[in-house]
Amino acid sequence: MAVYIYSGRREAARTVIGAELVLLRRWTRDVDRSATYSGLYPAEEESPARLAVVLTGDDDLEFHRRWFAPAVTVQQKFDRYLDDRAGVDLAGEPFRLVDVSMPGESPWRAYTRRGERGRPAPVEPYAHYPGREHLPSALAGPGSRRIMTVLVIAAVAIVLVAALASRPAAALGVLPGFAWMAYLRREDRVRPESPAVLTRAALLGVLATAPIVVVEAVLSVAAPDTLSVAGAVFAAFVVAGVVEETGKALCLRSFRWNPEFDERFDGIVYAGWIGLGFAVVENVLYLAGAPTSGAYVMTFVTRAVLAVPNHAIWAGLSGYAVMRKRFDGKGAGLIGGLLPAILLHGLYDVGPFLALALAHQHHASVGVQALLSAGLPVAVTVTGMSMIRDRARRALRADAAEAARFTAAATD
């Protein structure tokens, strides 16, 4: 067991330490040991002497016994403990220093080799990421990412401004999304996520609308006519289901190394906020396109209770599958979560599309059209809510049990 001290610049640390945490949690689970991660501190962007600390084994238990008093900050707790130990852990071994600017293989990965389990190997001198130096600087540098982000923000802003200019009342379309965000935040009240990270998740969902709309427009050009049965199915399951759910899932992947992304329920929360961010923009656009005041009211109500929460539900299914694979090693991960999300999304959209197609071909009665356009989306919504609530309960139970085990070990 050992004390690991990570140092370097925060920009590099977010990626390196995030990746380490995933492996560290697997190690603590598989060898039934405890560990505590300090988090990134201090808050400045400069290069601090201590950026993050991982305490394992007896040092972790000693830290909780002696230093986990509520009267001081987390930073002060870890600093006091490290100063008290004077560079040597409880086993008499020197602290292990890790430079995050030169990441390499994690010490927590070594125990899985050849099926062996035990103490992690010492931190070897880290090497640079292989192959990164061969990437064109225009693609690898942060400047290009900033340019792309600015372009996407500009595109979304232009579309929203144009929509609101045509119907200012469409701005009210943000309210259902904000209401469902508040609900999801309340469900996460036991171990809540920071508002800053959740806001980032929602903004990613907002920005995802730009590339998603572009891909959907390209597919729609080559797709069959939506007034045909084949075109209705293609539009529902491929243009809407595959593209939108994949886009939201890719947004979720950007959190995979975030140190705060550390519980099973976080997958549902973060993905849900991403889905709601996407739904906010989509809602505004649908309301702006309503031809009459009556259509506006109908669109607002139906989307507030059906479409908006469904975007959070479908994304949440992917998020839960990701975290179940990460923490418990079960399921097919992101792909396993995407499949039910795409299926539910497609079923939700295919009813109204089929109703229009069959009405155009005079192949369906008014009752059948009503069943497809209203009954099927309601049934999908109820099913999705049941599925996500079941997964949320499982995630919360597992997270609570893990937290209880950790607390018991720390107080023994």
Protein backbone atom coordinates (compact mmCIF):
# COMPACT_ATOMS: atom_id res chain seq x y z
CA MET A 1 0.00 0.00 0.00
CA ALA A 2 1.18 3.53 -0.59
CA VAL A 3 0.51 7.26 -0.73
CA TYR A 4 0.48 8.61 -4.28
CA ILE A 5 0.92 12.35 -4.83
CA TYR A 6 0.07 13.69 -8.28
CA SER A 7 1.46 17.05 -9.35
CA GLY A 8 1.55 19.13 -12.50
CA ARG A 9 -0.82 21.31 -14.44
CA ARG A 10 -4.55 20.90 -13.93
CA GLU A 11 -5.26 20.61 -17.66
CA ALA A 12 -3.20 17.41 -17.82
CA ALA A 13 -4.36 16.24 -14.40
CA ARG A 14 -8.05 16.13 -15.34
CA THR A 15 -7.31 13.45 -17.94
CA VAL A 16 -4.61 11.52 -16.11
CA ILE A 17 -6.22 11.40 -12.69
CA GLY A 18 -9.64 10.70 -14.16
CA ALA A 19 -8.25 7.65 -15.95
CA GLU A 20 -6.47 6.56 -12.77
CA LEU A 21 -9.66 6.74 -10.73
CA VAL A 22 -11.46 4.22 -12.91
CA LEU A 23 -8.66 1.71 -12.39
CA LEU A 24 -8.30 2.58 -8.72
CA ARG A 25 -11.97 1.88 -8.03
CA ARG A 26 -11.68 -1.51 -9.77
CA TRP A 27 -8.62 -2.28 -7.66
CA THR A 28 -10.34 -1.37 -4.37
CA ARG A 29 -13.33 -3.52 -5.31
CA ASP A 30 -11.37 -6.56 -6.44
CA VAL A 31 -8.87 -6.67 -3.55
CA ASP A 32 -11.41 -5.45 -0.99
CA ARG A 33 -9.26 -2.52 0.14
CA SER A 34 -10.10 1.13 0.69
CA ALA A 35 -8.70 4.28 -0.87
CA THR A 36 -9.41 8.00 -0.74
CA TYR A 37 -8.84 10.50 -3.54
CA SER A 38 -8.32 14.12 -2.53
CA GLY A 39 -9.58 15.82 -5.68
CA LEU A 40 -7.80 18.56 -7.60
CA TYR A 41 -6.51 21.43 -5.51
CA PRO A 42 -5.71 24.26 -5.20
CA ALA A 43 -8.07 25.92 -7.66
CA GLU A 44 -5.47 28.03 -9.49
CA GLU A 45 -4.25 27.00 -12.94
CA GLU A 46 -0.59 27.33 -11.97
CA SER A 47 1.53 24.28 -11.21
CA PRO A 48 1.09 23.52 -7.49
CA ALA A 49 3.37 21.27 -5.49
CA ARG A 50 0.40 19.07 -4.56
CA LEU A 51 -2.38 18.67 -7.04
CA ALA A 52 -4.05 15.43 -5.96
CA VAL A 53 -3.47 12.69 -3.41
CA VAL A 54 -4.49 9.04 -3.30
CA LEU A 55 -4.29 7.32 0.07
CA THR A 56 -4.58 3.54 0.15
CA GLY A 57 -4.82 0.85 2.80
CA ASP A 58 -3.76 1.76 6.34
CA ASP A 59 -2.95 5.33 5.36
CA ASP A 60 -6.49 5.77 4.13
CA LEU A 61 -7.97 4.42 7.37
CA GLU A 62 -5.60 6.51 9.49
CA PHE A 63 -6.54 9.61 7.53
CA HIS A 64 -10.23 9.10 8.28
CA ARG A 65 -9.60 8.36 11.95
CA ARG A 66 -7.45 11.39 12.68
CA TRP A 67 -7.96 14.05 10.04
CA PHE A 68 -11.48 13.81 8.69
CA ALA A 69 -12.84 16.51 11.00
CA PRO A 70 -15.56 18.70 9.48
CA ALA A 71 -14.04 21.93 10.75
CA VAL A 72 -11.39 22.16 8.02
CA THR A 73 -11.44 22.04 4.24
CA VAL A 74 -10.55 18.94 2.27
CA GLN A 75 -7.35 20.60 1.14
CA GLN A 76 -6.37 21.34 4.74
CA LYS A 77 -7.15 17.78 5.80
CA PHE A 78 -4.86 16.25 3.20
CA ASP A 79 -2.14 18.84 3.70
CA ARG A 80 -2.08 18.23 7.45
CA TYR A 81 -1.90 14.48 6.96
CA LEU A 82 0.92 14.70 4.44
CA ASP A 83 2.86 17.12 6.63
CA ASP A 84 2.38 14.81 9.60
CA ARG A 85 3.69 11.81 7.69
CA ALA A 86 6.78 13.77 6.52
CA GLY A 87 7.06 11.99 3.19
CA VAL A 88 6.74 8.41 4.48
CA ASP A 89 3.60 6.26 4.57
CA LEU A 90 2.55 4.09 7.51
CA ALA A 91 4.47 1.13 6.08
CA GLY A 92 7.67 3.19 6.09
CA GLU A 93 7.73 3.55 2.31
CA PRO A 94 8.42 6.95 0.72
CA PHE A 95 5.51 8.70 -0.93
CA ARG A 96 5.22 7.92 -4.62
CA LEU A 97 5.28 11.02 -6.78
CA VAL A 98 3.52 11.11 -10.15
CA ASP A 99 4.10 13.86 -12.73
CA VAL A 100 0.84 14.24 -14.64
CA SER A 101 2.59 16.02 -17.51
CA MET A 102 4.21 12.72 -18.50
CA PRO A 103 1.50 10.04 -18.11
CA GLY A 104 2.07 6.40 -18.82
CA GLU A 105 0.75 3.09 -17.56
CA SER A 106 -1.22 3.31 -14.33
CA PRO A 107 0.12 1.50 -11.24
CA TRP A 108 -3.43 0.26 -10.60
CA ARG A 109 -3.50 -1.69 -13.85
CA ALA A 110 -0.60 -3.97 -12.99
CA TYR A 111 -2.44 -6.21 -10.53
CA THR A 112 -4.70 -7.61 -13.28
CA ARG A 113 -1.88 -9.02 -15.35
CA ARG A 114 -1.94 -12.77 -15.70
CA GLY A 115 -4.91 -12.88 -13.35
CA GLU A 116 -2.80 -11.86 -10.35
CA ARG A 117 -4.25 -9.71 -7.61
CA GLY A 118 -2.36 -7.93 -4.91
CA ARG A 119 -0.36 -4.82 -4.27
CA PRO A 120 -0.08 -2.46 -7.24
CA ALA A 121 3.33 -2.16 -8.82
CA PRO A 122 5.35 0.96 -7.95
CA VAL A 123 4.98 3.93 -10.21
CA GLU A 124 7.53 3.63 -12.96
CA PRO A 125 9.03 6.68 -14.66
CA TYR A 126 6.23 7.86 -16.90
CA ALA A 127 6.59 8.10 -20.67
CA HIS A 128 4.81 10.35 -23.12
CA TYR A 129 1.63 9.15 -24.82
CA PRO A 130 2.80 7.07 -27.80
CA GLY A 131 1.92 8.41 -31.22
CA ARG A 132 0.61 11.79 -30.12
CA GLU A 133 3.61 13.59 -31.58
CA HIS A 134 2.55 12.35 -35.03
CA LEU A 135 -0.82 14.09 -34.94
CA PRO A 136 -1.07 17.25 -37.05
CA SER A 137 -0.89 20.23 -34.72
CA ALA A 138 -4.08 21.67 -36.24
CA LEU A 139 -5.95 18.60 -35.03
CA ALA A 140 -4.17 17.94 -31.76
CA GLY A 141 -3.87 21.44 -30.31
CA PRO A 142 -6.38 23.11 -28.00
CA GLY A 143 -6.73 26.03 -30.43
CA SER A 144 -8.56 23.94 -33.00
CA ARG A 145 -10.98 22.68 -30.36
CA ARG A 146 -11.72 26.24 -29.32
CA ILE A 147 -12.37 27.24 -32.91
CA MET A 148 -14.74 24.32 -33.42
CA THR A 149 -16.53 25.11 -30.17
CA VAL A 150 -16.96 28.76 -31.14
CA LEU A 151 -18.32 27.77 -34.54
CA VAL A 152 -20.83 25.36 -33.00
CA ILE A 153 -21.93 27.95 -30.42
CA ALA A 154 -22.36 30.51 -33.18
CA ALA A 155 -24.43 28.11 -35.27
CA VAL A 156 -26.74 27.23 -32.38
CA ALA A 157 -27.07 30.89 -31.39
CA ILE A 158 -27.97 31.96 -34.92
CA VAL A 159 -30.65 29.28 -35.20
CA LEU A 160 -32.14 30.17 -31.81
CA VAL A 161 -32.13 33.90 -32.52
CA ALA A 162 -33.87 33.32 -35.85
CA ALA A 163 -36.46 31.08 -34.19
CA LEU A 164 -37.17 33.54 -31.40
CA ALA A 165 -37.39 36.42 -33.86
CA SER A 166 -40.20 34.65 -35.69
CA ARG A 167 -42.05 33.75 -32.46
CA PRO A 168 -40.69 35.28 -29.21
CA ALA A 169 -43.04 33.11 -27.14
CA ALA A 170 -40.93 30.12 -28.17
CA ALA A 171 -38.49 31.20 -25.45
CA LEU A 172 -40.90 29.61 -22.96
CA GLY A 173 -39.80 26.28 -24.40
CA VAL A 174 -36.83 26.30 -22.04
CA LEU A 175 -39.07 26.00 -18.98
CA PRO A 176 -39.94 22.28 -19.24
CA GLY A 177 -36.28 21.40 -19.62
CA PHE A 178 -35.31 23.47 -16.59
CA ALA A 179 -38.13 21.90 -14.57
CA TRP A 180 -36.97 18.37 -15.37
CA MET A 181 -33.38 19.35 -14.58
CA ALA A 182 -34.54 20.48 -11.15
CA TYR A 183 -36.34 17.17 -10.67
CA LEU A 184 -33.25 15.18 -11.62
CA ARG A 185 -31.16 17.34 -9.32
CA ARG A 186 -33.51 16.57 -6.44
CA GLU A 187 -33.24 12.84 -7.11
CA ASP A 188 -29.46 13.19 -6.74
CA ARG A 189 -29.67 15.05 -3.43
CA VAL A 190 -27.93 12.38 -1.30
CA ARG A 191 -24.53 12.78 -2.99
CA PRO A 192 -25.18 15.70 -5.38
CA GLU A 193 -23.02 16.66 -8.33
CA SER A 194 -21.59 20.16 -8.57
CA PRO A 195 -23.79 22.68 -10.42
CA ALA A 196 -20.83 23.68 -12.61
CA VAL A 197 -20.34 20.17 -13.98
CA LEU A 198 -24.08 19.64 -14.52
CA THR A 199 -24.29 22.97 -16.33
CA ARG A 200 -21.48 21.83 -18.57
CA ALA A 201 -23.42 18.63 -19.31
CA ALA A 202 -26.52 20.61 -20.27
CA LEU A 203 -24.48 22.96 -22.47
CA LEU A 204 -22.95 19.99 -24.26
CA GLY A 205 -26.47 18.79 -25.01
CA VAL A 206 -27.33 22.24 -26.33
CA LEU A 207 -24.26 22.35 -28.57
CA ALA A 208 -24.85 18.79 -29.79
CA THR A 209 -27.95 20.00 -31.63
CA ALA A 210 -25.79 21.63 -34.33
CA PRO A 211 -23.91 18.54 -35.60
CA ILE A 212 -26.97 16.35 -35.03
CA VAL A 213 -29.15 18.60 -37.20
CA VAL A 214 -26.50 18.57 -39.94
CA VAL A 215 -26.26 14.77 -39.95
CA GLU A 216 -30.04 14.41 -39.89
CA ALA A 217 -30.38 16.81 -42.82
CA VAL A 218 -27.87 14.81 -44.86
CA LEU A 219 -29.62 11.53 -44.09
CA SER A 220 -33.03 13.00 -44.85
CA VAL A 221 -31.92 13.92 -48.36
CA ALA A 222 -31.06 10.29 -49.14
CA ALA A 223 -33.94 8.79 -47.14
CA PRO A 224 -37.21 7.52 -48.58
CA ASP A 225 -40.18 9.87 -48.54
CA THR A 226 -41.52 10.15 -44.99
CA LEU A 227 -45.06 9.84 -46.35
CA SER A 228 -44.27 6.22 -47.19
CA VAL A 229 -44.16 3.47 -44.56
CA ALA A 230 -40.48 2.77 -45.26
CA GLY A 231 -39.66 6.47 -45.03
CA ALA A 232 -41.55 6.82 -41.75
CA VAL A 233 -39.66 3.92 -40.18
CA PHE A 234 -36.30 5.17 -41.49
CA ALA A 235 -36.92 8.70 -40.20
CA ALA A 236 -37.97 7.45 -36.77
CA PHE A 237 -35.32 4.83 -36.06
CA VAL A 238 -32.32 6.05 -38.07
CA VAL A 239 -32.61 9.80 -38.61
CA ALA A 240 -33.99 10.51 -35.14
CA GLY A 241 -33.17 7.46 -33.00
CA VAL A 242 -29.66 6.53 -34.09
CA VAL A 243 -28.34 10.02 -34.77
CA GLU A 244 -29.72 11.82 -31.72
CA GLU A 245 -28.99 9.10 -29.17
CA THR A 246 -25.49 8.55 -30.54
CA GLY A 247 -24.84 12.27 -30.38
CA LYS A 248 -25.92 12.45 -26.75
CA ALA A 249 -23.86 9.35 -25.91
CA LEU A 250 -20.75 10.94 -27.43
CA CYS A 251 -21.32 13.98 -25.21
CA LEU A 252 -21.44 11.65 -22.21
CA ARG A 253 -18.06 10.16 -23.16
CA SER A 254 -16.44 13.54 -22.57
CA PHE A 255 -17.06 13.02 -18.83
CA ARG A 256 -15.49 9.57 -18.65
CA TRP A 257 -12.26 10.83 -17.04
CA ASN A 258 -13.88 13.53 -14.91
CA PRO A 259 -13.08 12.80 -11.23
CA GLU A 260 -16.64 13.74 -10.24
CA PHE A 261 -18.04 11.05 -12.57
CA ASP A 262 -17.55 8.45 -9.84
CA GLU A 263 -20.88 6.80 -8.98
CA ARG A 264 -23.31 4.56 -10.81
CA PHE A 265 -26.14 7.08 -10.51
CA ASP A 266 -23.90 9.74 -12.05
CA GLY A 267 -24.34 8.05 -15.41
CA ILE A 268 -28.08 8.70 -15.29
CA VAL A 269 -27.69 12.24 -13.93
CA TYR A 270 -25.07 13.47 -16.38
CA ALA A 271 -26.71 11.79 -19.37
CA GLY A 272 -30.09 13.13 -18.29
CA TRP A 273 -28.80 16.70 -18.19
CA ILE A 274 -27.21 16.24 -21.62
CA GLY A 275 -30.53 14.97 -22.98
CA LEU A 276 -32.41 17.88 -21.40
CA GLY A 277 -29.95 20.38 -22.85
CA PHE A 278 -30.67 18.94 -26.27
CA ALA A 279 -34.42 18.94 -25.57
CA VAL A 280 -34.38 22.64 -24.63
CA VAL A 281 -33.13 23.67 -28.07
CA GLU A 282 -35.39 21.22 -29.87
CA ASN A 283 -38.36 22.45 -27.86
CA VAL A 284 -37.74 26.08 -28.77
CA LEU A 285 -37.48 25.19 -32.46
CA TYR A 286 -40.70 23.16 -32.43
CA LEU A 287 -42.58 25.95 -30.67
CA ALA A 288 -41.22 28.55 -33.07
CA GLY A 289 -42.55 26.48 -35.97
CA ALA A 290 -46.08 26.08 -34.58
CA PRO A 291 -48.42 27.57 -37.24
CA THR A 292 -51.17 28.79 -34.87
CA SER A 293 -51.63 29.70 -31.22
CA GLY A 294 -53.64 26.52 -30.66
CA ALA A 295 -50.86 24.42 -32.17
CA TYR A 296 -48.35 26.27 -29.98
CA VAL A 297 -50.24 25.38 -26.79
CA MET A 298 -50.70 21.76 -27.86
CA THR A 299 -47.02 21.45 -28.77
CA PHE A 300 -45.92 23.02 -25.49
CA VAL A 301 -48.02 20.70 -23.34
CA THR A 302 -47.32 17.45 -25.18
CA ARG A 303 -43.60 18.06 -25.41
CA ALA A 304 -43.36 19.18 -21.77
CA VAL A 305 -44.83 15.90 -20.50
CA LEU A 306 -43.58 13.53 -23.22
CA ALA A 307 -40.73 14.56 -25.51
CA VAL A 308 -38.61 16.56 -23.03
CA PRO A 309 -38.44 13.94 -20.24
CA ASN A 310 -38.01 11.21 -22.84
CA HIS A 311 -34.77 12.78 -24.06
CA ALA A 312 -33.46 12.52 -20.50
CA ILE A 313 -34.76 8.95 -20.15
CA TRP A 314 -33.23 7.69 -23.39
CA ALA A 315 -29.87 9.28 -22.64
CA GLY A 316 -30.06 8.00 -19.05
CA LEU A 317 -30.34 4.41 -20.28
CA SER A 318 -27.00 4.83 -22.03
CA GLY A 319 -25.50 6.53 -18.99
CA TYR A 320 -26.56 3.76 -16.63
CA ALA A 321 -25.14 1.09 -18.94
CA VAL A 322 -21.79 2.89 -19.07
CA MET A 323 -21.48 3.10 -15.29
CA ARG A 324 -22.72 -0.47 -14.72
CA LYS A 325 -19.96 -1.71 -17.00
CA ARG A 326 -17.39 0.54 -15.34
CA PHE A 327 -18.17 -0.32 -11.72
CA ASP A 328 -19.62 -3.83 -11.84
CA GLY A 329 -18.11 -5.18 -15.07
CA LYS A 330 -21.56 -6.21 -16.31
CA GLY A 331 -23.47 -5.50 -19.49
CA ALA A 332 -22.29 -4.29 -22.87
CA GLY A 333 -21.45 -0.77 -21.77
CA LEU A 334 -22.30 2.16 -24.02
CA ILE A 335 -23.47 -0.02 -26.91
CA GLY A 336 -25.73 -1.98 -24.56
CA GLY A 337 -27.30 1.26 -23.36
CA LEU A 338 -27.63 2.77 -26.83
CA LEU A 339 -29.71 -0.10 -28.20
CA PRO A 340 -32.73 0.32 -25.86
CA ALA A 341 -32.42 4.11 -26.14
CA ILE A 342 -32.56 3.97 -29.93
CA LEU A 343 -35.41 1.46 -29.85
CA LEU A 344 -37.55 3.57 -27.51
CA HIS A 345 -36.75 6.76 -29.39
CA GLY A 346 -37.65 5.13 -32.68
CA LEU A 347 -40.91 3.71 -31.32
CA TYR A 348 -41.82 7.11 -29.91
CA ASP A 349 -41.36 8.84 -33.28
CA VAL A 350 -42.60 6.10 -35.59
CA GLY A 351 -46.22 6.37 -34.42
CA PRO A 352 -46.82 9.97 -35.57
CA PHE A 353 -44.78 9.38 -38.75
CA LEU A 354 -46.77 6.27 -39.62
CA ALA A 355 -50.05 8.03 -38.86
CA LEU A 356 -49.19 10.75 -41.40
CA ALA A 357 -48.03 8.22 -43.97
CA LEU A 358 -51.12 6.03 -43.64
CA ALA A 359 -53.42 9.07 -43.70
CA HIS A 360 -51.72 10.25 -46.88
CA GLN A 361 -52.31 6.85 -48.46
CA HIS A 362 -55.86 6.63 -47.06
CA HIS A 363 -55.01 3.31 -45.41
CA ALA A 364 -55.95 4.11 -41.81
CA SER A 365 -59.03 5.24 -39.96
CA VAL A 366 -59.10 8.21 -37.61
CA GLY A 367 -58.98 5.84 -34.62
CA VAL A 368 -55.88 4.07 -35.90
CA GLN A 369 -54.19 7.40 -36.58
CA ALA A 370 -54.98 8.60 -33.06
CA LEU A 371 -53.63 5.37 -31.58
CA LEU A 372 -50.39 5.70 -33.52
CA SER A 373 -49.84 9.43 -33.04
CA ALA A 374 -50.85 9.63 -29.35
CA GLY A 375 -51.24 6.15 -27.86
CA LEU A 376 -47.85 4.79 -28.93
CA PRO A 377 -45.81 7.79 -27.66
CA VAL A 378 -47.61 7.66 -24.30
CA ALA A 379 -46.97 3.92 -24.01
CA VAL A 380 -43.29 4.42 -24.85
CA THR A 381 -43.02 7.19 -22.26
CA VAL A 382 -44.54 5.05 -19.53
CA THR A 383 -42.25 2.15 -20.46
CA GLY A 384 -39.18 4.38 -20.51
CA MET A 385 -40.01 5.90 -17.14
CA SER A 386 -40.41 2.46 -15.64
CA MET A 387 -37.08 1.31 -17.08
CA ILE A 388 -35.11 4.35 -15.92
CA ARG A 389 -36.66 4.33 -12.44
CA ASP A 390 -35.70 0.67 -12.05
CA ARG A 391 -32.14 1.41 -13.11
CA ALA A 392 -31.99 4.49 -10.88
CA ARG A 393 -33.05 2.44 -7.85
CA ARG A 394 -30.41 -0.18 -8.59
CA ALA A 395 -27.71 2.47 -9.02
CA LEU A 396 -28.65 4.32 -5.83
CA ARG A 397 -28.75 1.08 -3.81
CA ALA A 398 -25.35 -0.02 -5.09
CA ASP A 399 -23.81 3.41 -4.48
CA ALA A 400 -25.26 3.56 -0.96
CA ALA A 401 -23.97 0.07 -0.16
CA GLU A 402 -20.51 0.96 -1.40
CA ALA A 403 -20.49 4.19 0.64
CA ALA A 404 -21.60 2.25 3.74
CA ARG A 405 -18.81 -0.31 3.28
CA PHE A 406 -16.27 2.46 2.96
CA THR A 407 -17.54 4.28 6.05
CA ALA A 408 -17.50 1.07 8.09
CA ALA A 409 -13.95 0.31 7.03
CA ALA A 410 -12.83 3.83 7.89
CA THR A 411 -14.33 3.73 11.38
CA ASP A 412 -13.20 0.22 12.40
